Amino acid sequence: MIKLKNLIETIKVEHQITTQSELAALLAQDDLLIQQIQTADAQYWVNFAKNTFDGWYCIRTPMLSTFHVYYQERGQNCWGEDVFTEQSEAIAAVIFISGIWDTELNPKP
């Protein structure tokens, strides 16, 4: 299984993306890429399904009309949430807000 951080690095290089809005625009055109992001190894605490893990979440509401992005600890929403109508914008937001976009793949000691 591909790690989310590795997938993000590939997206950065292949598509020359530097901003959240550029990532959202790419995702709006690429359902396969959305699926790859959602199924990638979430070791960096970015989750796309409700769970009890600490970390960032991007969750589709039961009526499938909105996407909620929030941070949770110990099963509780900690910092409020942002609501999006477009899945691509929600995924781009959680990737940037979580800090995974800016985290170096192989940090220097």
Protein backbone atom coordinates (compact mmCIF):
# COMPACT_ATOMS: atom_id res chain seq x y z
CA MET A 1 0.00 0.00 0.00
CA ILE A 2 1.32 3.41 -0.93
CA LYS A 3 1.95 5.89 1.88
CA LEU A 4 0.00 9.13 1.68
CA LYS A 5 3.15 11.23 2.04
CA ASN A 6 4.79 9.44 -0.91
CA LEU A 7 1.68 10.02 -3.03
CA ILE A 8 1.66 13.71 -2.08
CA GLU A 9 5.32 14.05 -3.08
CA THR A 10 4.57 12.42 -6.45
CA ILE A 11 1.68 14.83 -7.03
CA LYS A 12 3.91 17.80 -6.21
CA VAL A 13 6.58 16.73 -8.69
CA GLU A 14 4.42 15.41 -11.55
CA HIS A 15 1.92 18.26 -11.53
CA GLN A 16 4.08 21.14 -10.25
CA ILE A 17 1.45 21.95 -7.61
CA THR A 18 2.28 24.38 -4.82
CA THR A 19 -1.06 25.64 -3.46
CA GLN A 20 -4.22 24.23 -1.95
CA SER A 21 -6.36 25.66 -4.75
CA GLU A 22 -4.14 24.04 -7.41
CA LEU A 23 -4.47 20.69 -5.65
CA ALA A 24 -8.26 21.10 -5.40
CA ALA A 25 -8.44 21.89 -9.13
CA LEU A 26 -6.41 18.76 -9.99
CA LEU A 27 -8.55 16.56 -7.74
CA ALA A 28 -11.75 17.97 -9.26
CA GLN A 29 -10.62 16.47 -12.59
CA ASP A 30 -9.24 13.15 -11.33
CA ASP A 31 -11.52 10.72 -9.47
CA LEU A 32 -8.84 8.02 -9.54
CA LEU A 33 -6.41 10.31 -7.72
CA ILE A 34 -9.07 11.04 -5.09
CA GLN A 35 -9.52 7.29 -4.59
CA GLN A 36 -5.75 6.78 -4.30
CA ILE A 37 -5.50 9.51 -1.65
CA GLN A 38 -8.41 8.09 0.33
CA THR A 39 -6.97 4.57 0.37
CA ALA A 40 -3.32 5.48 0.98
CA ASP A 41 -1.67 4.54 4.28
CA ALA A 42 -2.88 7.12 6.80
CA GLN A 43 0.18 6.93 9.03
CA TYR A 44 0.31 10.71 9.01
CA TRP A 45 -3.04 11.00 10.80
CA VAL A 46 -5.12 12.00 7.81
CA ASN A 47 -8.26 9.87 7.72
CA PHE A 48 -11.15 9.61 5.28
CA ALA A 49 -13.39 7.33 7.35
CA LYS A 50 -14.82 7.97 10.81
CA ASN A 51 -12.79 6.29 13.51
CA THR A 52 -11.49 6.84 17.02
CA PHE A 53 -7.90 7.58 15.99
CA ASP A 54 -6.37 10.93 16.83
CA GLY A 55 -5.75 13.05 13.76
CA TRP A 56 -7.28 14.96 10.88
CA TYR A 57 -10.48 13.79 9.23
CA CYS A 58 -12.23 14.48 5.94
CA ILE A 59 -15.66 12.86 6.22
CA ARG A 60 -18.58 12.78 3.79
CA THR A 61 -21.88 13.44 5.59
CA PRO A 62 -24.49 10.66 5.57
CA MET A 63 -26.65 12.54 3.07
CA LEU A 64 -23.57 12.80 0.80
CA SER A 65 -24.04 16.51 0.28
CA THR A 66 -21.13 17.95 2.28
CA PHE A 67 -17.66 17.05 3.50
CA HIS A 68 -16.43 17.92 6.99
CA VAL A 69 -12.78 18.53 7.81
CA TYR A 70 -11.78 18.51 11.48
CA TYR A 71 -9.17 17.42 14.02
CA GLN A 72 -10.03 14.95 16.75
CA GLU A 73 -8.33 13.60 19.86
CA ARG A 74 -9.59 10.72 21.98
CA GLY A 75 -12.62 10.38 19.74
CA GLN A 76 -13.73 13.99 20.21
CA ASN A 77 -13.75 16.84 17.68
CA CYS A 78 -11.27 19.35 19.13
CA TRP A 79 -11.13 22.45 16.96
CA GLY A 80 -14.46 22.85 15.22
CA GLU A 81 -14.78 21.90 11.60
CA ASP A 82 -14.75 23.29 8.11
CA VAL A 83 -17.57 22.26 5.78
CA PHE A 84 -17.16 21.88 2.02
CA THR A 85 -19.61 21.08 -0.74
CA GLU A 86 -16.90 19.85 -3.11
CA GLN A 87 -14.95 16.70 -2.25
CA SER A 88 -11.86 17.96 -4.07
CA GLU A 89 -11.76 21.13 -1.95
CA ALA A 90 -12.24 19.17 1.28
CA ILE A 91 -9.43 16.73 0.48
CA ALA A 92 -7.08 19.54 -0.53
CA ALA A 93 -7.95 21.38 2.70
CA VAL A 94 -7.28 18.40 4.99
CA ILE A 95 -3.95 17.73 3.25
CA PHE A 96 -2.81 21.32 3.72
CA ILE A 97 -4.32 21.94 7.18
CA SER A 98 -2.84 18.71 8.55
CA GLY A 99 0.65 19.83 7.53
CA ILE A 100 1.36 16.70 5.48
CA TRP A 101 1.84 18.85 2.36
CA ASP A 102 4.77 20.68 3.97
CA THR A 103 6.30 17.77 5.88
CA GLU A 104 9.56 16.63 4.32
CA LEU A 105 9.59 13.03 3.17
CA ASN A 106 13.15 12.49 4.41
CA PRO A 107 13.93 15.28 6.88
CA LYS A 108 17.58 16.16 7.26
CA PRO A 109 19.09 15.57 10.75
